[in-house]
Amino acid sequence: MNKALIHYLIDHPELNLASLPTKVAALGAKVENALEKRWLFDFDAPKEKIQEFVSDLHHAGLSDNEIETHETPNGYGVIIAHGFDTRELLEKWTDVSLKRDDLLCIDWLTKEE
């Protein structure tokens, strides 16, 4: 992250310093600047099937502490700690897509009126 910011500042010396916090946040949100590398399965199958999907992840060699599930507006986001050969899994689960090192919004903050 520090290198990305330094390179940006060198390439853009005219940067308005008032916009620096916004630029730092934008650089920090990029995949290549992530502290951890994880995989995200976007699970859009019926919600009743999530336990079966997690069971298939266990059969692929992942343990409970390597799998996180988060409910999303359209299903679930399933985050795993490391990669594996997903070809068979994705053949079975056609409503699931894999996003390597993608971001997941886990909380929304809205202004109460």
PDB file of N, CA and C in Angstrom:
ATOM      1  N   MET A   1       0.823  -1.184   0.000  1.00  0.00           N
ATOM      2  CA  MET A   1       0.000   0.000   0.000  1.00  0.00           C
ATOM      3  C   MET A   1       0.868   1.250   0.000  1.00  0.00           C
ATOM      4  N   ASN A   2       1.930   1.262   0.817  1.00  0.00           N
ATOM      5  CA  ASN A   2       2.799   2.438   0.873  1.00  0.00           C
ATOM      6  C   ASN A   2       3.439   2.712  -0.478  1.00  0.00           C
ATOM      7  N   LYS A   3       3.891   1.643  -1.152  1.00  0.00           N
ATOM      8  CA  LYS A   3       4.512   1.820  -2.467  1.00  0.00           C
ATOM      9  C   LYS A   3       3.512   2.378  -3.468  1.00  0.00           C
ATOM     10  N   ALA A   4       2.276   1.901  -3.418  1.00  0.00           N
ATOM     11  CA  ALA A   4       1.253   2.391  -4.344  1.00  0.00           C
ATOM     12  C   ALA A   4       1.007   3.881  -4.132  1.00  0.00           C
ATOM     13  N   LEU A   5       0.960   4.312  -2.884  1.00  0.00           N
ATOM     14  CA  LEU A   5       0.744   5.727  -2.584  1.00  0.00           C
ATOM     15  C   LEU A   5       1.933   6.566  -3.040  1.00  0.00           C
ATOM     16  N   ILE A   6       3.136   6.096  -2.767  1.00  0.00           N
ATOM     17  CA  ILE A   6       4.339   6.830  -3.184  1.00  0.00           C
ATOM     18  C   ILE A   6       4.376   6.975  -4.698  1.00  0.00           C
ATOM     19  N   HIS A   7       4.091   5.881  -5.416  1.00  0.00           N
ATOM     20  CA  HIS A   7       4.080   5.949  -6.881  1.00  0.00           C
ATOM     21  C   HIS A   7       3.016   6.925  -7.380  1.00  0.00           C
ATOM     22  N   TYR A   8       1.860   6.910  -6.753  1.00  0.00           N
ATOM     23  CA  TYR A   8       0.805   7.828  -7.169  1.00  0.00           C
ATOM     24  C   TYR A   8       1.240   9.275  -6.949  1.00  0.00           C
ATOM     25  N   LEU A   9       1.848   9.561  -5.805  1.00  0.00           N
ATOM     26  CA  LEU A   9       2.288  10.930  -5.517  1.00  0.00           C
ATOM     27  C   LEU A   9       3.380  11.391  -6.475  1.00  0.00           C
ATOM     28  N   ILE A  10       4.272  10.478  -6.863  1.00  0.00           N
ATOM     29  CA  ILE A  10       5.319  10.827  -7.828  1.00  0.00           C
ATOM     30  C   ILE A  10       4.704  11.123  -9.188  1.00  0.00           C
ATOM     31  N   ASP A  11       3.739  10.281  -9.590  1.00  0.00           N
ATOM     32  CA  ASP A  11       3.119  10.438 -10.910  1.00  0.00           C
ATOM     33  C   ASP A  11       2.142  11.608 -10.977  1.00  0.00           C
ATOM     34  N   HIS A  12       1.644  12.068  -9.826  1.00  0.00           N
ATOM     35  CA  HIS A  12       0.655  13.149  -9.790  1.00  0.00           C
ATOM     36  C   HIS A  12       1.077  14.228  -8.784  1.00  0.00           C
ATOM     37  N   PRO A  13       2.127  14.989  -9.084  1.00  0.00           N
ATOM     38  CA  PRO A  13       2.603  15.995  -8.124  1.00  0.00           C
ATOM     39  C   PRO A  13       1.599  17.130  -7.902  1.00  0.00           C
ATOM     40  N   GLU A  14       0.637  17.273  -8.800  1.00  0.00           N
ATOM     41  CA  GLU A  14      -0.354  18.342  -8.674  1.00  0.00           C
ATOM     42  C   GLU A  14      -1.513  17.965  -7.752  1.00  0.00           C
ATOM     43  N   LEU A  15      -1.463  16.810  -7.108  1.00  0.00           N
ATOM     44  CA  LEU A  15      -2.553  16.334  -6.254  1.00  0.00           C
ATOM     45  C   LEU A  15      -2.889  17.357  -5.173  1.00  0.00           C
ATOM     46  N   ASN A  16      -4.160  17.670  -5.059  1.00  0.00           N
ATOM     47  CA  ASN A  16      -4.648  18.556  -4.009  1.00  0.00           C
ATOM     48  C   ASN A  16      -4.594  17.776  -2.695  1.00  0.00           C
ATOM     49  N   LEU A  17      -3.865  18.272  -1.708  1.00  0.00           N
ATOM     50  CA  LEU A  17      -3.701  17.548  -0.451  1.00  0.00           C
ATOM     51  C   LEU A  17      -5.014  17.361   0.307  1.00  0.00           C
ATOM     52  N   ALA A  18      -6.001  18.185   0.027  1.00  0.00           N
ATOM     53  CA  ALA A  18      -7.307  18.010   0.670  1.00  0.00           C
ATOM     54  C   ALA A  18      -7.978  16.712   0.223  1.00  0.00           C
ATOM     55  N   SER A  19      -7.610  16.220  -0.959  1.00  0.00           N
ATOM     56  CA  SER A  19      -8.207  14.977  -1.460  1.00  0.00           C
ATOM     57  C   SER A  19      -7.367  13.745  -1.115  1.00  0.00           C
ATOM     58  N   LEU A  20      -6.305  13.931  -0.348  1.00  0.00           N
ATOM     59  CA  LEU A  20      -5.420  12.812  -0.005  1.00  0.00           C
ATOM     60  C   LEU A  20      -6.134  11.683   0.751  1.00  0.00           C
ATOM     61  N   PRO A  21      -6.965  11.953   1.766  1.00  0.00           N
ATOM     62  CA  PRO A  21      -7.642  10.833   2.451  1.00  0.00           C
ATOM     63  C   PRO A  21      -8.503   9.982   1.510  1.00  0.00           C
ATOM     64  N   THR A  22      -9.181  10.633   0.572  1.00  0.00           N
ATOM     65  CA  THR A  22     -10.001   9.902  -0.392  1.00  0.00           C
ATOM     66  C   THR A  22      -9.132   9.044  -1.293  1.00  0.00           C
ATOM     67  N   LYS A  23      -8.007   9.581  -1.730  1.00  0.00           N
ATOM     68  CA  LYS A  23      -7.106   8.835  -2.608  1.00  0.00           C
ATOM     69  C   LYS A  23      -6.487   7.661  -1.865  1.00  0.00           C
ATOM     70  N   VAL A  24      -6.104   7.839  -0.612  1.00  0.00           N
ATOM     71  CA  VAL A  24      -5.540   6.744   0.189  1.00  0.00           C
ATOM     72  C   VAL A  24      -6.573   5.629   0.340  1.00  0.00           C
ATOM     73  N   ALA A  25      -7.823   5.993   0.605  1.00  0.00           N
ATOM     74  CA  ALA A  25      -8.885   4.983   0.737  1.00  0.00           C
ATOM     75  C   ALA A  25      -9.085   4.233  -0.572  1.00  0.00           C
ATOM     76  N   ALA A  26      -9.044   4.942  -1.694  1.00  0.00           N
ATOM     77  CA  ALA A  26      -9.226   4.293  -2.997  1.00  0.00           C
ATOM     78  C   ALA A  26      -8.078   3.335  -3.298  1.00  0.00           C
ATOM     79  N   LEU A  27      -6.853   3.741  -2.997  1.00  0.00           N
ATOM     80  CA  LEU A  27      -5.705   2.855  -3.218  1.00  0.00           C
ATOM     81  C   LEU A  27      -5.763   1.645  -2.291  1.00  0.00           C
ATOM     82  N   GLY A  28      -6.187   1.858  -1.054  1.00  0.00           N
ATOM     83  CA  GLY A  28      -6.280   0.760  -0.096  1.00  0.00           C
ATOM     84  C   GLY A  28      -7.344  -0.258  -0.454  1.00  0.00           C
ATOM     85  N   ALA A  29      -8.355   0.146  -1.198  1.00  0.00           N
ATOM     86  CA  ALA A  29      -9.446  -0.760  -1.571  1.00  0.00           C
ATOM     87  C   ALA A  29      -9.104  -1.639  -2.765  1.00  0.00           C
ATOM     88  N   LYS A  30      -7.979  -1.386  -3.412  1.00  0.00           N
ATOM     89  CA  LYS A  30      -7.606  -2.202  -4.571  1.00  0.00           C
ATOM     90  C   LYS A  30      -7.161  -3.588  -4.126  1.00  0.00           C
ATOM     91  N   VAL A  31      -7.474  -4.582  -4.956  1.00  0.00           N
ATOM     92  CA  VAL A  31      -7.173  -5.983  -4.640  1.00  0.00           C
ATOM     93  C   VAL A  31      -5.687  -6.196  -4.392  1.00  0.00           C
ATOM     94  N   GLU A  32      -4.843  -5.576  -5.190  1.00  0.00           N
ATOM     95  CA  GLU A  32      -3.400  -5.811  -5.057  1.00  0.00           C
ATOM     96  C   GLU A  32      -2.823  -5.268  -3.748  1.00  0.00           C
ATOM     97  N   ASN A  33      -3.564  -4.422  -3.053  1.00  0.00           N
ATOM     98  CA  ASN A  33      -3.092  -3.868  -1.783  1.00  0.00           C
ATOM     99  C   ASN A  33      -3.700  -4.555  -0.563  1.00  0.00           C
ATOM    100  N   ALA A  34      -4.393  -5.650  -0.772  1.00  0.00           N
ATOM    101  CA  ALA A  34      -5.027  -6.367   0.341  1.00  0.00           C
ATOM    102  C   ALA A  34      -3.974  -6.994   1.245  1.00  0.00           C
ATOM    103  N   LEU A  35      -4.238  -6.981   2.544  1.00  0.00           N
ATOM    104  CA  LEU A  35      -3.331  -7.617   3.497  1.00  0.00           C
ATOM    105  C   LEU A  35      -3.450  -9.132   3.444  1.00  0.00           C
ATOM    106  N   GLU A  36      -4.644  -9.627   3.168  1.00  0.00           N
ATOM    107  CA  GLU A  36      -4.887 -11.064   3.117  1.00  0.00           C
ATOM    108  C   GLU A  36      -5.429 -11.432   1.750  1.00  0.00           C
ATOM    109  N   LYS A  37      -5.075 -12.613   1.275  1.00  0.00           N
ATOM    110  CA  LYS A  37      -5.588 -13.122   0.010  1.00  0.00           C
ATOM    111  C   LYS A  37      -6.588 -14.221   0.326  1.00  0.00           C
ATOM    112  N   ARG A  38      -7.822 -13.999  -0.029  1.00  0.00           N
ATOM    113  CA  ARG A  38      -8.878 -14.978   0.202  1.00  0.00           C
ATOM    114  C   ARG A  38      -9.722 -15.105  -1.052  1.00  0.00           C
ATOM    115  N   TRP A  39     -10.541 -16.152  -1.075  1.00  0.00           N
ATOM    116  CA  TRP A  39     -11.457 -16.355  -2.191  1.00  0.00           C
ATOM    117  C   TRP A  39     -12.885 -16.139  -1.718  1.00  0.00           C
ATOM    118  N   LEU A  40     -13.697 -15.578  -2.596  1.00  0.00           N
ATOM    119  CA  LEU A  40     -15.099 -15.311  -2.306  1.00  0.00           C
ATOM    120  C   LEU A  40     -15.969 -16.092  -3.280  1.00  0.00           C
ATOM    121  N   PHE A  41     -16.848 -16.928  -2.746  1.00  0.00           N
ATOM    122  CA  PHE A  41     -17.870 -17.575  -3.556  1.00  0.00           C
ATOM    123  C   PHE A  41     -19.142 -16.753  -3.419  1.00  0.00           C
ATOM    124  N   ASP A  42     -19.681 -16.308  -4.552  1.00  0.00           N
ATOM    125  CA  ASP A  42     -20.948 -15.585  -4.575  1.00  0.00           C
ATOM    126  C   ASP A  42     -22.042 -16.631  -4.747  1.00  0.00           C
ATOM    127  N   PHE A  43     -22.718 -16.960  -3.659  1.00  0.00           N
ATOM    128  CA  PHE A  43     -23.690 -18.056  -3.605  1.00  0.00           C
ATOM    129  C   PHE A  43     -25.083 -17.504  -3.853  1.00  0.00           C
ATOM    130  N   ASP A  44     -25.614 -17.699  -5.066  1.00  0.00           N
ATOM    131  CA  ASP A  44     -26.947 -17.209  -5.420  1.00  0.00           C
ATOM    132  C   ASP A  44     -27.960 -18.336  -5.552  1.00  0.00           C
ATOM    133  N   ALA A  45     -27.599 -19.536  -5.124  1.00  0.00           N
ATOM    134  CA  ALA A  45     -28.526 -20.672  -5.137  1.00  0.00           C
ATOM    135  C   ALA A  45     -29.554 -20.479  -4.019  1.00  0.00           C
ATOM    136  N   PRO A  46     -30.609 -21.295  -3.996  1.00  0.00           N
ATOM    137  CA  PRO A  46     -31.588 -21.176  -2.897  1.00  0.00           C
ATOM    138  C   PRO A  46     -30.917 -21.284  -1.527  1.00  0.00           C
ATOM    139  N   LYS A  47     -31.393 -20.481  -0.585  1.00  0.00           N
ATOM    140  CA  LYS A  47     -30.762 -20.405   0.739  1.00  0.00           C
ATOM    141  C   LYS A  47     -30.762 -21.737   1.475  1.00  0.00           C
ATOM    142  N   GLU A  48     -31.709 -22.610   1.147  1.00  0.00           N
ATOM    143  CA  GLU A  48     -31.772 -23.919   1.800  1.00  0.00           C
ATOM    144  C   GLU A  48     -30.559 -24.779   1.447  1.00  0.00           C
ATOM    145  N   LYS A  49     -29.840 -24.415   0.400  1.00  0.00           N
ATOM    146  CA  LYS A  49     -28.717 -25.219  -0.089  1.00  0.00           C
ATOM    147  C   LYS A  49     -27.366 -24.802   0.490  1.00  0.00           C
ATOM    148  N   ILE A  50     -27.314 -23.750   1.304  1.00  0.00           N
ATOM    149  CA  ILE A  50     -26.023 -23.251   1.784  1.00  0.00           C
ATOM    150  C   ILE A  50     -25.280 -24.290   2.616  1.00  0.00           C
ATOM    151  N   GLN A  51     -25.989 -25.055   3.433  1.00  0.00           N
ATOM    152  CA  GLN A  51     -25.316 -26.067   4.255  1.00  0.00           C
ATOM    153  C   GLN A  51     -24.713 -27.168   3.388  1.00  0.00           C
ATOM    154  N   GLU A  52     -25.404 -27.526   2.315  1.00  0.00           N
ATOM    155  CA  GLU A  52     -24.865 -28.530   1.393  1.00  0.00           C
ATOM    156  C   GLU A  52     -23.602 -27.999   0.714  1.00  0.00           C
ATOM    157  N   PHE A  53     -23.601 -26.726   0.353  1.00  0.00           N
ATOM    158  CA  PHE A  53     -22.422 -26.123  -0.269  1.00  0.00           C
ATOM    159  C   PHE A  53     -21.244 -26.108   0.705  1.00  0.00           C
ATOM    160  N   VAL A  54     -21.495 -25.724   1.946  1.00  0.00           N
ATOM    161  CA  VAL A  54     -20.436 -25.719   2.965  1.00  0.00           C
ATOM    162  C   VAL A  54     -19.920 -27.136   3.186  1.00  0.00           C
ATOM    163  N   SER A  55     -20.808 -28.115   3.158  1.00  0.00           N
ATOM    164  CA  SER A  55     -20.395 -29.515   3.287  1.00  0.00           C
ATOM    165  C   SER A  55     -19.472 -29.916   2.134  1.00  0.00           C
ATOM    166  N   ASP A  56     -19.786 -29.457   0.928  1.00  0.00           N
ATOM    167  CA  ASP A  56     -18.914 -29.737  -0.218  1.00  0.00           C
ATOM    168  C   ASP A  56     -17.547 -29.074  -0.048  1.00  0.00           C
ATOM    169  N   LEU A  57     -17.507 -27.911   0.576  1.00  0.00           N
ATOM    170  CA  LEU A  57     -16.222 -27.264   0.862  1.00  0.00           C
ATOM    171  C   LEU A  57     -15.422 -28.087   1.868  1.00  0.00           C
ATOM    172  N   HIS A  58     -16.108 -28.683   2.850  1.00  0.00           N
ATOM    173  CA  HIS A  58     -15.424 -29.569   3.797  1.00  0.00           C
ATOM    174  C   HIS A  58     -14.839 -30.776   3.068  1.00  0.00           C
ATOM    175  N   HIS A  59     -15.602 -31.346   2.132  1.00  0.00           N
ATOM    176  CA  HIS A  59     -15.111 -32.492   1.363  1.00  0.00           C
ATOM    177  C   HIS A  59     -13.914 -32.105   0.489  1.00  0.00           C
ATOM    178  N   ALA A  60     -13.813 -30.826   0.150  1.00  0.00           N
ATOM    179  CA  ALA A  60     -12.680 -30.348  -0.651  1.00  0.00           C
ATOM    180  C   ALA A  60     -11.441 -30.112   0.209  1.00  0.00           C
ATOM    181  N   GLY A  61     -11.572 -30.297   1.526  1.00  0.00           N
ATOM    182  CA  GLY A  61     -10.406 -30.197   2.396  1.00  0.00           C
ATOM    183  C   GLY A  61     -10.360 -28.982   3.298  1.00  0.00           C
ATOM    184  N   LEU A  62     -11.402 -28.176   3.306  1.00  0.00           N
ATOM    185  CA  LEU A  62     -11.427 -26.989   4.163  1.00  0.00           C
ATOM    186  C   LEU A  62     -12.057 -27.320   5.511  1.00  0.00           C
ATOM    187  N   SER A  63     -11.542 -26.707   6.555  1.00  0.00           N
ATOM    188  CA  SER A  63     -12.098 -26.914   7.895  1.00  0.00           C
ATOM    189  C   SER A  63     -13.067 -25.781   8.227  1.00  0.00           C
ATOM    190  N   ASP A  64     -13.804 -25.935   9.325  1.00  0.00           N
ATOM    191  CA  ASP A  64     -14.780 -24.915   9.732  1.00  0.00           C
ATOM    192  C   ASP A  64     -14.150 -23.540   9.921  1.00  0.00           C
ATOM    193  N   ASN A  65     -12.942 -23.498  10.490  1.00  0.00           N
ATOM    194  CA  ASN A  65     -12.323 -22.189  10.741  1.00  0.00           C
ATOM    195  C   ASN A  65     -11.742 -21.557   9.477  1.00  0.00           C
ATOM    196  N   GLU A  66     -11.801 -22.236   8.336  1.00  0.00           N
ATOM    197  CA  GLU A  66     -11.341 -21.676   7.063  1.00  0.00           C
ATOM    198  C   GLU A  66     -12.499 -21.208   6.188  1.00  0.00           C
ATOM    199  N   ILE A  67     -13.733 -21.315   6.694  1.00  0.00           N
ATOM    200  CA  ILE A  67     -14.926 -20.959   5.924  1.00  0.00           C
ATOM    201  C   ILE A  67     -15.745 -19.934   6.702  1.00  0.00           C
ATOM    202  N   GLU A  68     -16.058 -18.812   6.054  1.00  0.00           N
ATOM    203  CA  GLU A  68     -16.938 -17.794   6.639  1.00  0.00           C
ATOM    204  C   GLU A  68     -18.132 -17.617   5.712  1.00  0.00           C
ATOM    205  N   THR A  69     -19.328 -17.545   6.264  1.00  0.00           N
ATOM    206  CA  THR A  69     -20.510 -17.260   5.449  1.00  0.00           C
ATOM    207  C   THR A  69     -21.136 -15.955   5.928  1.00  0.00           C
ATOM    208  N   HIS A  70     -21.541 -15.145   4.969  1.00  0.00           N
ATOM    209  CA  HIS A  70     -22.189 -13.865   5.250  1.00  0.00           C
ATOM    210  C   HIS A  70     -23.434 -13.768   4.378  1.00  0.00           C
ATOM    211  N   GLU A  71     -24.565 -13.475   5.001  1.00  0.00           N
ATOM    212  CA  GLU A  71     -25.790 -13.309   4.221  1.00  0.00           C
ATOM    213  C   GLU A  71     -25.711 -11.997   3.447  1.00  0.00           C
ATOM    214  N   THR A  72     -26.115 -12.050   2.183  1.00  0.00           N
ATOM    215  CA  THR A  72     -26.121 -10.881   1.307  1.00  0.00           C
ATOM    216  C   THR A  72     -27.553 -10.656   0.820  1.00  0.00           C
ATOM    217  N   PRO A  73     -27.827  -9.543   0.154  1.00  0.00           N
ATOM    218  CA  PRO A  73     -29.191  -9.318  -0.344  1.00  0.00           C
ATOM    219  C   PRO A  73     -29.677 -10.394  -1.321  1.00  0.00           C
ATOM    220  N   ASN A  74     -28.755 -11.039  -2.044  1.00  0.00           N
ATOM    221  CA  ASN A  74     -29.156 -12.023  -3.052  1.00  0.00           C
ATOM    222  C   ASN A  74     -28.756 -13.447  -2.713  1.00  0.00           C
ATOM    223  N   GLY A  75     -28.327 -13.725  -1.519  1.00  0.00           N
ATOM    224  CA  GLY A  75     -27.904 -15.079  -1.161  1.00  0.00           C
ATOM    225  C   GLY A  75     -26.873 -15.040  -0.053  1.00  0.00           C
ATOM    226  N   TYR A  76     -25.684 -15.563  -0.361  1.00  0.00           N
ATOM    227  CA  TYR A  76     -24.603 -15.601   0.622  1.00  0.00           C
ATOM    228  C   TYR A  76     -23.274 -15.274  -0.048  1.00  0.00           C
ATOM    229  N   GLY A  77     -22.380 -14.722   0.730  1.00  0.00           N
ATOM    230  CA  GLY A  77     -20.981 -14.619   0.363  1.00  0.00           C
ATOM    231  C   GLY A  77     -20.237 -15.626   1.220  1.00  0.00           C
ATOM    232  N   VAL A  78     -19.522 -16.541   0.594  1.00  0.00           N
ATOM    233  CA  VAL A  78     -18.779 -17.564   1.327  1.00  0.00           C
ATOM    234  C   VAL A  78     -17.300 -17.297   1.100  1.00  0.00           C
ATOM    235  N   ILE A  79     -16.581 -16.986   2.164  1.00  0.00           N
ATOM    236  CA  ILE A  79     -15.166 -16.635   2.078  1.00  0.00           C
ATOM    237  C   ILE A  79     -14.352 -17.804   2.600  1.00  0.00           C
ATOM    238  N   ILE A  80     -13.337 -18.196   1.816  1.00  0.00           N
ATOM    239  CA  ILE A  80     -12.459 -19.282   2.256  1.00  0.00           C
ATOM    240  C   ILE A  80     -11.039 -18.755   2.389  1.00  0.00           C
ATOM    241  N   ALA A  81     -10.277 -19.399   3.249  1.00  0.00           N
ATOM    242  CA  ALA A  81      -8.955 -18.906   3.624  1.00  0.00           C
ATOM    243  C   ALA A  81      -7.896 -19.125   2.552  1.00  0.00           C
ATOM    244  N   HIS A  82      -8.074 -20.128   1.702  1.00  0.00           N
ATOM    245  CA  HIS A  82      -7.068 -20.408   0.671  1.00  0.00           C
ATOM    246  C   HIS A  82      -7.735 -21.084  -0.513  1.00  0.00           C
ATOM    247  N   GLY A  83      -7.029 -21.127  -1.604  1.00  0.00           N
ATOM    248  CA  GLY A  83      -7.576 -21.701  -2.818  1.00  0.00           C
ATOM    249  C   GLY A  83      -7.430 -23.210  -2.909  1.00  0.00           C
ATOM    250  N   PHE A  84      -8.129 -23.781  -3.860  1.00  0.00           N
ATOM    251  CA  PHE A  84      -8.052 -25.205  -4.176  1.00  0.00           C
ATOM    252  C   PHE A  84      -8.627 -25.385  -5.575  1.00  0.00           C
ATOM    253  N   ASP A  85      -8.555 -26.602  -6.112  1.00  0.00           N
ATOM    254  CA  ASP A  85      -9.092 -26.886  -7.442  1.00  0.00           C
ATOM    255  C   ASP A  85     -10.619 -26.884  -7.358  1.00  0.00           C
ATOM    256  N   THR A  86     -11.241 -25.897  -7.947  1.00  0.00           N
ATOM    257  CA  THR A  86     -12.687 -25.695  -7.801  1.00  0.00           C
ATOM    258  C   THR A  86     -13.497 -26.209  -8.986  1.00  0.00           C
ATOM    259  N   ARG A  87     -12.867 -26.852  -9.946  1.00  0.00           N
ATOM    260  CA  ARG A  87     -13.589 -27.239 -11.163  1.00  0.00           C
ATOM    261  C   ARG A  87     -14.805 -28.112 -10.879  1.00  0.00           C
ATOM    262  N   GLU A  88     -14.641 -29.168 -10.080  1.00  0.00           N
ATOM    263  CA  GLU A  88     -15.774 -30.055  -9.780  1.00  0.00           C
ATOM    264  C   GLU A  88     -16.854 -29.320  -8.993  1.00  0.00           C
ATOM    265  N   LEU A  89     -16.441 -28.528  -8.041  1.00  0.00           N
ATOM    266  CA  LEU A  89     -17.394 -27.792  -7.211  1.00  0.00           C
ATOM    267  C   LEU A  89     -18.245 -26.852  -8.063  1.00  0.00           C
ATOM    268  N   LEU A  90     -17.611 -26.108  -8.962  1.00  0.00           N
ATOM    269  CA  LEU A  90     -18.343 -25.144  -9.781  1.00  0.00           C
ATOM    270  C   LEU A  90     -19.163 -25.815 -10.874  1.00  0.00           C
ATOM    271  N   GLU A  91     -18.783 -27.045 -11.272  1.00  0.00           N
ATOM    272  CA  GLU A  91     -19.629 -27.801 -12.202  1.00  0.00           C
ATOM    273  C   GLU A  91     -20.944 -28.170 -11.529  1.00  0.00           C
ATOM    274  N   LYS A  92     -20.867 -28.572 -10.272  1.00  0.00           N
ATOM    275  CA  LYS A  92     -22.066 -28.958  -9.523  1.00  0.00           C
ATOM    276  C   LYS A  92     -22.927 -27.742  -9.192  1.00  0.00           C
ATOM    277  N   TRP A  93     -22.298 -26.664  -8.777  1.00  0.00           N
ATOM    278  CA  TRP A  93     -23.007 -25.472  -8.313  1.00  0.00           C
ATOM    279  C   TRP A  93     -22.973 -24.397  -9.399  1.00  0.00           C
ATOM    280  N   THR A  94     -23.930 -24.446 -10.310  1.00  0.00           N
ATOM    281  CA  THR A  94     -23.942 -23.497 -11.429  1.00  0.00           C
ATOM    282  C   THR A  94     -24.402 -22.096 -11.004  1.00  0.00           C
ATOM    283  N   ASP A  95     -25.068 -21.986  -9.849  1.00  0.00           N
ATOM    284  CA  ASP A  95     -25.516 -20.675  -9.354  1.00  0.00           C
ATOM    285  C   ASP A  95     -24.485 -20.010  -8.446  1.00  0.00           C
ATOM    286  N   VAL A  96     -23.284 -20.571  -8.402  1.00  0.00           N
ATOM    287  CA  VAL A  96     -22.223 -20.046  -7.548  1.00  0.00           C
ATOM    288  C   VAL A  96     -21.083 -19.580  -8.441  1.00  0.00           C
ATOM    289  N   SER A  97     -20.568 -18.394  -8.170  1.00  0.00           N
ATOM    290  CA  SER A  97     -19.408 -17.911  -8.926  1.00  0.00           C
ATOM    291  C   SER A  97     -18.254 -17.645  -7.960  1.00  0.00           C
ATOM    292  N   LEU A  98     -17.048 -17.859  -8.456  1.00  0.00           N
ATOM    293  CA  LEU A  98     -15.837 -17.675  -7.660  1.00  0.00           C
ATOM    294  C   LEU A  98     -15.202 -16.349  -8.017  1.00  0.00           C
ATOM    295  N   LYS A  99     -14.849 -15.589  -6.996  1.00  0.00           N
ATOM    296  CA  LYS A  99     -14.171 -14.305  -7.189  1.00  0.00           C
ATOM    297  C   LYS A  99     -12.913 -14.329  -6.338  1.00  0.00           C
ATOM    298  N   ARG A 100     -11.793 -14.534  -6.990  1.00  0.00           N
ATOM    299  CA  ARG A 100     -10.521 -14.608  -6.267  1.00  0.00           C
ATOM    300  C   ARG A 100     -10.122 -13.221  -5.768  1.00  0.00           C
ATOM    301  N   ASP A 101      -9.783 -13.149  -4.491  1.00  0.00           N
ATOM    302  CA  ASP A 101      -9.320 -11.908  -3.867  1.00  0.00           C
ATOM    303  C   ASP A 101     -10.276 -10.742  -4.096  1.00  0.00           C
ATOM    304  N   ASP A 102     -11.564 -11.021  -4.078  1.00  0.00           N
ATOM    305  CA  ASP A 102     -12.549  -9.959  -4.263  1.00  0.00           C
ATOM    306  C   ASP A 102     -12.957  -9.384  -2.910  1.00  0.00           C
ATOM    307  N   LEU A 103     -13.637  -8.291  -2.959  1.00  0.00           N
ATOM    308  CA  LEU A 103     -14.069  -7.620  -1.738  1.00  0.00           C
ATOM    309  C   LEU A 103     -15.521  -7.955  -1.446  1.00  0.00           C
ATOM    310  N   LEU A 104     -15.876  -7.982  -0.186  1.00  0.00           N
ATOM    311  CA  LEU A 104     -17.248  -8.234   0.239  1.00  0.00           C
ATOM    312  C   LEU A 104     -17.656  -7.139   1.206  1.00  0.00           C
ATOM    313  N   CYS A 105     -18.752  -6.474   0.900  1.00  0.00           N
ATOM    314  CA  CYS A 105     -19.306  -5.486   1.822  1.00  0.00           C
ATOM    315  C   CYS A 105     -20.095  -6.246   2.882  1.00  0.00           C
ATOM    316  N   ILE A 106     -19.652  -6.168   4.133  1.00  0.00           N
ATOM    317  CA  ILE A 106     -20.335  -6.927   5.181  1.00  0.00           C
ATOM    318  C   ILE A 106     -21.201  -6.051   6.074  1.00  0.00           C
ATOM    319  N   ASP A 107     -21.230  -4.750   5.822  1.00  0.00           N
ATOM    320  CA  ASP A 107     -22.060  -3.882   6.645  1.00  0.00           C
ATOM    321  C   ASP A 107     -22.426  -2.632   5.856  1.00  0.00           C
ATOM    322  N   TRP A 108     -23.638  -2.200   6.007  1.00  0.00           N
ATOM    323  CA  TRP A 108     -24.105  -0.968   5.397  1.00  0.00           C
ATOM    324  C   TRP A 108     -24.481  -0.003   6.514  1.00  0.00           C
ATOM    325  N   LEU A 109     -24.162   1.243   6.326  1.00  0.00           N
ATOM    326  CA  LEU A 109     -24.543   2.272   7.281  1.00  0.00           C
ATOM    327  C   LEU A 109     -25.415   3.279   6.540  1.00  0.00           C
ATOM    328  N   THR A 110     -26.624   3.479   7.024  1.00  0.00           N
ATOM    329  CA  THR A 110     -27.516   4.437   6.388  1.00  0.00           C
ATOM    330  C   THR A 110     -27.949   5.470   7.407  1.00  0.00           C
ATOM    331  N   LYS A 111     -28.233   6.637   6.918  1.00  0.00           N
ATOM    332  CA  LYS A 111     -28.670   7.722   7.789  1.00  0.00           C
ATOM    333  C   LYS A 111     -30.141   7.525   8.125  1.00  0.00           C
ATOM    334  N   GLU A 112     -30.440   7.556   9.419  1.00  0.00           N
ATOM    335  CA  GLU A 112     -31.829   7.448   9.872  1.00  0.00           C
ATOM    336  C   GLU A 112     -32.520   8.781   9.621  1.00  0.00           C
ATOM    337  N   GLU A 113     -33.724   8.728   9.094  1.00  0.00           N
ATOM    338  CA  GLU A 113     -34.465   9.976   8.843  1.00  0.00           C
ATOM    339  C   GLU A 113     -35.459  10.233   9.928  1.00  0.00           C
TER     340      GLU A 113
END
